[in-house]
PDB file of N, CA and C in Angstrom:
ATOM      1  N   MET A   1       7.679 -44.524  28.071  1.00  0.00           N
ATOM      2  CA  MET A   1       8.552 -43.529  27.492  1.00  0.00           C
ATOM      3  C   MET A   1       7.873 -42.165  27.587  1.00  0.00           C
ATOM      4  N   VAL A   2       8.612 -41.184  28.016  1.00  0.00           N
ATOM      5  CA  VAL A   2       8.095 -39.825  28.187  1.00  0.00           C
ATOM      6  C   VAL A   2       8.440 -39.010  26.946  1.00  0.00           C
ATOM      7  N   SER A   3       7.410 -38.356  26.370  1.00  0.00           N
ATOM      8  CA  SER A   3       7.679 -37.533  25.176  1.00  0.00           C
ATOM      9  C   SER A   3       8.081 -36.127  25.612  1.00  0.00           C
ATOM     10  N   PRO A   4       9.067 -35.527  24.921  1.00  0.00           N
ATOM     11  CA  PRO A   4       9.499 -34.170  25.283  1.00  0.00           C
ATOM     12  C   PRO A   4       8.403 -33.167  24.917  1.00  0.00           C
ATOM     13  N   GLN A   5       8.258 -32.136  25.737  1.00  0.00           N
ATOM     14  CA  GLN A   5       7.277 -31.103  25.436  1.00  0.00           C
ATOM     15  C   GLN A   5       7.868 -30.122  24.423  1.00  0.00           C
ATOM     16  N   ALA A   6       7.059 -29.785  23.463  1.00  0.00           N
ATOM     17  CA  ALA A   6       7.513 -28.846  22.434  1.00  0.00           C
ATOM     18  C   ALA A   6       7.452 -27.413  22.956  1.00  0.00           C
ATOM     19  N   GLU A   7       8.447 -26.639  22.613  1.00  0.00           N
ATOM     20  CA  GLU A   7       8.461 -25.231  22.976  1.00  0.00           C
ATOM     21  C   GLU A   7       8.193 -24.409  21.714  1.00  0.00           C
ATOM     22  N   PHE A   8       7.386 -23.391  21.867  1.00  0.00           N
ATOM     23  CA  PHE A   8       7.123 -22.520  20.735  1.00  0.00           C
ATOM     24  C   PHE A   8       6.812 -21.121  21.244  1.00  0.00           C
ATOM     25  N   ALA A   9       6.927 -20.167  20.341  1.00  0.00           N
ATOM     26  CA  ALA A   9       6.619 -18.778  20.676  1.00  0.00           C
ATOM     27  C   ALA A   9       5.427 -18.336  19.835  1.00  0.00           C
ATOM     28  N   LEU A  10       4.504 -17.664  20.453  1.00  0.00           N
ATOM     29  CA  LEU A  10       3.326 -17.162  19.767  1.00  0.00           C
ATOM     30  C   LEU A  10       3.381 -15.638  19.818  1.00  0.00           C
ATOM     31  N   PHE A  11       3.376 -14.996  18.646  1.00  0.00           N
ATOM     32  CA  PHE A  11       3.457 -13.544  18.602  1.00  0.00           C
ATOM     33  C   PHE A  11       2.728 -13.035  17.368  1.00  0.00           C
ATOM     34  N   ALA A  12       2.430 -11.753  17.355  1.00  0.00           N
ATOM     35  CA  ALA A  12       1.759 -11.105  16.226  1.00  0.00           C
ATOM     36  C   ALA A  12       2.667 -10.022  15.655  1.00  0.00           C
ATOM     37  N   VAL A  13       2.553  -9.826  14.358  1.00  0.00           N
ATOM     38  CA  VAL A  13       3.323  -8.787  13.683  1.00  0.00           C
ATOM     39  C   VAL A  13       2.332  -7.861  12.984  1.00  0.00           C
ATOM     40  N   ASP A  14       2.428  -6.575  13.247  1.00  0.00           N
ATOM     41  CA  ASP A  14       1.555  -5.572  12.644  1.00  0.00           C
ATOM     42  C   ASP A  14       2.401  -4.714  11.710  1.00  0.00           C
ATOM     43  N   ILE A  15       2.128  -4.790  10.405  1.00  0.00           N
ATOM     44  CA  ILE A  15       2.950  -4.094   9.412  1.00  0.00           C
ATOM     45  C   ILE A  15       2.074  -3.151   8.599  1.00  0.00           C
ATOM     46  N   ASP A  16       2.520  -1.926   8.449  1.00  0.00           N
ATOM     47  CA  ASP A  16       1.897  -0.960   7.552  1.00  0.00           C
ATOM     48  C   ASP A  16       2.901  -0.648   6.447  1.00  0.00           C
ATOM     49  N   VAL A  17       2.437  -0.678   5.195  1.00  0.00           N
ATOM     50  CA  VAL A  17       3.310  -0.415   4.048  1.00  0.00           C
ATOM     51  C   VAL A  17       2.847   0.865   3.369  1.00  0.00           C
ATOM     52  N   THR A  18       3.782   1.774   3.106  1.00  0.00           N
ATOM     53  CA  THR A  18       3.482   3.006   2.370  1.00  0.00           C
ATOM     54  C   THR A  18       4.440   3.114   1.194  1.00  0.00           C
ATOM     55  N   TYR A  19       3.869   3.269   0.001  1.00  0.00           N
ATOM     56  CA  TYR A  19       4.645   3.485  -1.218  1.00  0.00           C
ATOM     57  C   TYR A  19       4.476   4.953  -1.608  1.00  0.00           C
ATOM     58  N   ILE A  20       5.575   5.640  -1.862  1.00  0.00           N
ATOM     59  CA  ILE A  20       5.539   7.016  -2.361  1.00  0.00           C
ATOM     60  C   ILE A  20       6.415   7.067  -3.599  1.00  0.00           C
ATOM     61  N   GLY A  21       5.827   7.462  -4.700  1.00  0.00           N
ATOM     62  CA  GLY A  21       6.570   7.530  -5.955  1.00  0.00           C
ATOM     63  C   GLY A  21       6.174   8.750  -6.757  1.00  0.00           C
ATOM     64  N   HIS A  22       6.781   8.910  -7.923  1.00  0.00           N
ATOM     65  CA  HIS A  22       6.504  10.043  -8.800  1.00  0.00           C
ATOM     66  C   HIS A  22       5.845   9.540 -10.064  1.00  0.00           C
ATOM     67  N   ASP A  23       4.687  10.098 -10.398  1.00  0.00           N
ATOM     68  CA  ASP A  23       3.972   9.757 -11.627  1.00  0.00           C
ATOM     69  C   ASP A  23       4.416  10.742 -12.706  1.00  0.00           C
ATOM     70  N   VAL A  24       5.221  10.278 -13.638  1.00  0.00           N
ATOM     71  CA  VAL A  24       5.806  11.148 -14.657  1.00  0.00           C
ATOM     72  C   VAL A  24       4.731  11.727 -15.572  1.00  0.00           C
ATOM     73  N   ALA A  25       3.737  10.928 -15.926  1.00  0.00           N
ATOM     74  CA  ALA A  25       2.707  11.379 -16.871  1.00  0.00           C
ATOM     75  C   ALA A  25       1.946  12.604 -16.362  1.00  0.00           C
ATOM     76  N   SER A  26       1.650  12.633 -15.067  1.00  0.00           N
ATOM     77  CA  SER A  26       0.875  13.757 -14.514  1.00  0.00           C
ATOM     78  C   SER A  26       1.722  14.698 -13.654  1.00  0.00           C
ATOM     79  N   ASN A  27       3.005  14.408 -13.513  1.00  0.00           N
ATOM     80  CA  ASN A  27       3.910  15.175 -12.652  1.00  0.00           C
ATOM     81  C   ASN A  27       3.338  15.284 -11.237  1.00  0.00           C
ATOM     82  N   ALA A  28       2.925  14.145 -10.693  1.00  0.00           N
ATOM     83  CA  ALA A  28       2.289  14.106  -9.379  1.00  0.00           C
ATOM     84  C   ALA A  28       2.985  13.100  -8.471  1.00  0.00           C
ATOM     85  N   GLN A  29       2.788  13.273  -7.179  1.00  0.00           N
ATOM     86  CA  GLN A  29       3.258  12.303  -6.194  1.00  0.00           C
ATOM     87  C   GLN A  29       2.199  11.210  -6.080  1.00  0.00           C
ATOM     88  N   HIS A  30       2.617   9.953  -6.200  1.00  0.00           N
ATOM     89  CA  HIS A  30       1.702   8.815  -6.091  1.00  0.00           C
ATOM     90  C   HIS A  30       1.937   8.148  -4.738  1.00  0.00           C
ATOM     91  N   VAL A  31       0.862   7.993  -3.943  1.00  0.00           N
ATOM     92  CA  VAL A  31       0.957   7.404  -2.611  1.00  0.00           C
ATOM     93  C   VAL A  31      -0.025   6.239  -2.521  1.00  0.00           C
ATOM     94  N   ALA A  32       0.439   5.105  -2.005  1.00  0.00           N
ATOM     95  CA  ALA A  32      -0.428   3.949  -1.740  1.00  0.00           C
ATOM     96  C   ALA A  32      -0.086   3.423  -0.357  1.00  0.00           C
ATOM     97  N   ARG A  33      -1.117   3.189   0.475  1.00  0.00           N
ATOM     98  CA  ARG A  33      -0.920   2.686   1.838  1.00  0.00           C
ATOM     99  C   ARG A  33      -1.717   1.409   2.010  1.00  0.00           C
ATOM    100  N   TRP A  34      -1.049   0.372   2.525  1.00  0.00           N
ATOM    101  CA  TRP A  34      -1.684  -0.912   2.758  1.00  0.00           C
ATOM    102  C   TRP A  34      -1.333  -1.401   4.148  1.00  0.00           C
ATOM    103  N   PRO A  35      -2.213  -1.881   4.933  1.00  0.00           N
ATOM    104  CA  PRO A  35      -3.578  -2.323   4.646  1.00  0.00           C
ATOM    105  C   PRO A  35      -4.634  -1.236   4.789  1.00  0.00           C
ATOM    106  N   ALA A  36      -4.243   0.021   4.978  1.00  0.00           N
ATOM    107  CA  ALA A  36      -5.237   1.090   5.127  1.00  0.00           C
ATOM    108  C   ALA A  36      -6.116   1.237   3.882  1.00  0.00           C
ATOM    109  N   GLY A  37      -5.587   0.849   2.719  1.00  0.00           N
ATOM    110  CA  GLY A  37      -6.371   0.914   1.484  1.00  0.00           C
ATOM    111  C   GLY A  37      -6.459   2.296   0.876  1.00  0.00           C
ATOM    112  N   GLU A  38      -5.549   3.181   1.248  1.00  0.00           N
ATOM    113  CA  GLU A  38      -5.543   4.528   0.680  1.00  0.00           C
ATOM    114  C   GLU A  38      -4.594   4.573  -0.512  1.00  0.00           C
ATOM    115  N   GLU A  39      -5.046   5.213  -1.580  1.00  0.00           N
ATOM    116  CA  GLU A  39      -4.185   5.410  -2.743  1.00  0.00           C
ATOM    117  C   GLU A  39      -4.628   6.699  -3.427  1.00  0.00           C
ATOM    118  N   TYR A  40      -3.660   7.579  -3.673  1.00  0.00           N
ATOM    119  CA  TYR A  40      -4.013   8.863  -4.261  1.00  0.00           C
ATOM    120  C   TYR A  40      -2.827   9.493  -4.972  1.00  0.00           C
ATOM    121  N   LEU A  41      -3.150  10.497  -5.794  1.00  0.00           N
ATOM    122  CA  LEU A  41      -2.157  11.331  -6.463  1.00  0.00           C
ATOM    123  C   LEU A  41      -2.254  12.726  -5.869  1.00  0.00           C
ATOM    124  N   ARG A  42      -1.114  13.412  -5.752  1.00  0.00           N
ATOM    125  CA  ARG A  42      -1.072  14.817  -5.339  1.00  0.00           C
ATOM    126  C   ARG A  42      -0.294  15.564  -6.413  1.00  0.00           C
ATOM    127  N   LEU A  43      -1.002  16.384  -7.179  1.00  0.00           N
ATOM    128  CA  LEU A  43      -0.382  17.125  -8.271  1.00  0.00           C
ATOM    129  C   LEU A  43       0.608  18.150  -7.745  1.00  0.00           C
ATOM    130  N   SER A  44       1.677  18.361  -8.499  1.00  0.00           N
ATOM    131  CA  SER A  44       2.680  19.380  -8.149  1.00  0.00           C
ATOM    132  C   SER A  44       2.147  20.744  -8.543  1.00  0.00           C
ATOM    133  N   LEU A  45       1.965  21.633  -7.561  1.00  0.00           N
ATOM    134  CA  LEU A  45       1.502  22.993  -7.835  1.00  0.00           C
ATOM    135  C   LEU A  45       2.685  23.916  -8.097  1.00  0.00           C
ATOM    136  N   THR A  46       3.732  23.766  -7.302  1.00  0.00           N
ATOM    137  CA  THR A  46       4.993  24.488  -7.478  1.00  0.00           C
ATOM    138  C   THR A  46       6.100  23.472  -7.184  1.00  0.00           C
ATOM    139  N   PRO A  47       7.361  23.813  -7.364  1.00  0.00           N
ATOM    140  CA  PRO A  47       8.427  22.850  -7.066  1.00  0.00           C
ATOM    141  C   PRO A  47       8.438  22.343  -5.619  1.00  0.00           C
ATOM    142  N   THR A  48       7.819  23.080  -4.692  1.00  0.00           N
ATOM    143  CA  THR A  48       7.833  22.647  -3.286  1.00  0.00           C
ATOM    144  C   THR A  48       6.441  22.464  -2.690  1.00  0.00           C
ATOM    145  N   THR A  49       5.386  22.555  -3.505  1.00  0.00           N
ATOM    146  CA  THR A  49       4.024  22.470  -2.989  1.00  0.00           C
ATOM    147  C   THR A  49       3.225  21.421  -3.759  1.00  0.00           C
ATOM    148  N   LEU A  50       2.491  20.586  -3.011  1.00  0.00           N
ATOM    149  CA  LEU A  50       1.626  19.580  -3.614  1.00  0.00           C
ATOM    150  C   LEU A  50       0.171  19.947  -3.369  1.00  0.00           C
ATOM    151  N   GLY A  51      -0.694  19.599  -4.315  1.00  0.00           N
ATOM    152  CA  GLY A  51      -2.121  19.859  -4.181  1.00  0.00           C
ATOM    153  C   GLY A  51      -2.791  18.826  -3.287  1.00  0.00           C
ATOM    154  N   PRO A  52      -4.109  18.909  -3.153  1.00  0.00           N
ATOM    155  CA  PRO A  52      -4.853  17.970  -2.310  1.00  0.00           C
ATOM    156  C   PRO A  52      -4.856  16.567  -2.922  1.00  0.00           C
ATOM    157  N   PRO A  53      -5.023  15.539  -2.093  1.00  0.00           N
ATOM    158  CA  PRO A  53      -5.066  14.162  -2.605  1.00  0.00           C
ATOM    159  C   PRO A  53      -6.251  13.929  -3.548  1.00  0.00           C
ATOM    160  N   GLU A  54      -5.990  13.256  -4.668  1.00  0.00           N
ATOM    161  CA  GLU A  54      -7.026  12.860  -5.620  1.00  0.00           C
ATOM    162  C   GLU A  54      -7.021  11.343  -5.689  1.00  0.00           C
ATOM    163  N   PRO A  55      -8.108  10.683  -5.292  1.00  0.00           N
ATOM    164  CA  PRO A  55      -8.135   9.210  -5.236  1.00  0.00           C
ATOM    165  C   PRO A  55      -7.865   8.555  -6.594  1.00  0.00           C
ATOM    166  N   VAL A  56      -7.075   7.479  -6.585  1.00  0.00           N
ATOM    167  CA  VAL A  56      -6.820   6.640  -7.764  1.00  0.00           C
ATOM    168  C   VAL A  56      -6.761   5.190  -7.299  1.00  0.00           C
ATOM    169  N   ARG A  57      -6.850   4.253  -8.232  1.00  0.00           N
ATOM    170  CA  ARG A  57      -6.654   2.832  -7.949  1.00  0.00           C
ATOM    171  C   ARG A  57      -5.722   2.275  -9.012  1.00  0.00           C
ATOM    172  N   ARG A  58      -4.444   2.135  -8.647  1.00  0.00           N
ATOM    173  CA  ARG A  58      -3.443   1.591  -9.571  1.00  0.00           C
ATOM    174  C   ARG A  58      -2.711   0.397  -8.970  1.00  0.00           C
ATOM    175  N   LEU A  59      -2.290   0.526  -7.721  1.00  0.00           N
ATOM    176  CA  LEU A  59      -1.521  -0.548  -7.082  1.00  0.00           C
ATOM    177  C   LEU A  59      -2.378  -1.440  -6.192  1.00  0.00           C
ATOM    178  N   LEU A  60      -3.473  -0.904  -5.675  1.00  0.00           N
ATOM    179  CA  LEU A  60      -4.326  -1.658  -4.758  1.00  0.00           C
ATOM    180  C   LEU A  60      -5.598  -2.089  -5.473  1.00  0.00           C
ATOM    181  N   ALA A  61      -6.091  -3.275  -5.137  1.00  0.00           N
ATOM    182  CA  ALA A  61      -7.323  -3.804  -5.733  1.00  0.00           C
ATOM    183  C   ALA A  61      -8.357  -4.029  -4.643  1.00  0.00           C
ATOM    184  N   GLN A  62      -9.617  -3.765  -4.950  1.00  0.00           N
ATOM    185  CA  GLN A  62     -10.714  -3.974  -4.011  1.00  0.00           C
ATOM    186  C   GLN A  62     -11.319  -5.343  -4.291  1.00  0.00           C
ATOM    187  N   SER A  63     -11.483  -6.156  -3.236  1.00  0.00           N
ATOM    188  CA  SER A  63     -12.110  -7.463  -3.436  1.00  0.00           C
ATOM    189  C   SER A  63     -12.796  -7.927  -2.166  1.00  0.00           C
ATOM    190  N   ALA A  64     -14.057  -8.268  -2.270  1.00  0.00           N
ATOM    191  CA  ALA A  64     -14.831  -8.888  -1.195  1.00  0.00           C
ATOM    192  C   ALA A  64     -14.623  -8.227   0.164  1.00  0.00           C
ATOM    193  N   GLY A  65     -14.746  -6.916   0.213  1.00  0.00           N
ATOM    194  CA  GLY A  65     -14.667  -6.213   1.482  1.00  0.00           C
ATOM    195  C   GLY A  65     -13.271  -5.953   2.006  1.00  0.00           C
ATOM    196  N   SER A  66     -12.246  -6.292   1.241  1.00  0.00           N
ATOM    197  CA  SER A  66     -10.883  -6.025   1.698  1.00  0.00           C
ATOM    198  C   SER A  66     -10.082  -5.388   0.572  1.00  0.00           C
ATOM    199  N   VAL A  67      -9.008  -4.747   0.937  1.00  0.00           N
ATOM    200  CA  VAL A  67      -8.110  -4.135  -0.036  1.00  0.00           C
ATOM    201  C   VAL A  67      -6.808  -4.908  -0.004  1.00  0.00           C
ATOM    202  N   ARG A  68      -6.307  -5.289  -1.165  1.00  0.00           N
ATOM    203  CA  ARG A  68      -5.070  -6.058  -1.236  1.00  0.00           C
ATOM    204  C   ARG A  68      -4.201  -5.517  -2.358  1.00  0.00           C
ATOM    205  N   PRO A  69      -2.891  -5.752  -2.302  1.00  0.00           N
ATOM    206  CA  PRO A  69      -2.024  -5.332  -3.402  1.00  0.00           C
ATOM    207  C   PRO A  69      -2.377  -6.081  -4.674  1.00  0.00           C
ATOM    208  N   CYS A  70      -2.312  -5.412  -5.817  1.00  0.00           N
ATOM    209  CA  CYS A  70      -2.539  -6.058  -7.116  1.00  0.00           C
ATOM    210  C   CYS A  70      -1.382  -6.999  -7.436  1.00  0.00           C
ATOM    211  N   THR A  71      -1.653  -7.987  -8.239  1.00  0.00           N
ATOM    212  CA  THR A  71      -0.573  -8.840  -8.720  1.00  0.00           C
ATOM    213  C   THR A  71       0.152  -8.119  -9.838  1.00  0.00           C
ATOM    214  N   ALA A  72       1.343  -8.547 -10.133  1.00  0.00           N
ATOM    215  CA  ALA A  72       2.143  -7.883 -11.169  1.00  0.00           C
ATOM    216  C   ALA A  72       1.449  -7.904 -12.510  1.00  0.00           C
ATOM    217  N   SER A  73       0.705  -8.981 -12.840  1.00  0.00           N
ATOM    218  CA  SER A  73       0.030  -9.061 -14.125  1.00  0.00           C
ATOM    219  C   SER A  73      -1.138  -8.093 -14.214  1.00  0.00           C
ATOM    220  N   ALA A  74      -1.692  -7.645 -13.066  1.00  0.00           N
ATOM    221  CA  ALA A  74      -2.835  -6.723 -13.088  1.00  0.00           C
ATOM    222  C   ALA A  74      -2.391  -5.270 -13.258  1.00  0.00           C
ATOM    223  N   VAL A  75      -1.121  -4.975 -13.042  1.00  0.00           N
ATOM    224  CA  VAL A  75      -0.622  -3.601 -13.168  1.00  0.00           C
ATOM    225  C   VAL A  75       0.034  -3.456 -14.516  1.00  0.00           C
ATOM    226  N   ARG A  76      -0.598  -2.717 -15.399  1.00  0.00           N
ATOM    227  CA  ARG A  76      -0.032  -2.493 -16.737  1.00  0.00           C
ATOM    228  C   ARG A  76      -0.304  -1.096 -17.191  1.00  0.00           C
TER     229      ARG A  76
END
């Protein structure tokens, strides 16, 4: 008896995620990029101008040489 050969496709997916939100407490733009591991606040200087990025860690967690999104229970 001859067994049928299985067919499959092998491919890679490269995804970059960027979150941009508004931090009400500081009136700043909050940006988090994954897997780049960048997360920062940009304070509002005028209604149309943002200041330089200031590093923060709210949505991303550092662990064992990699950056990963925090779990929902870790964000409070």
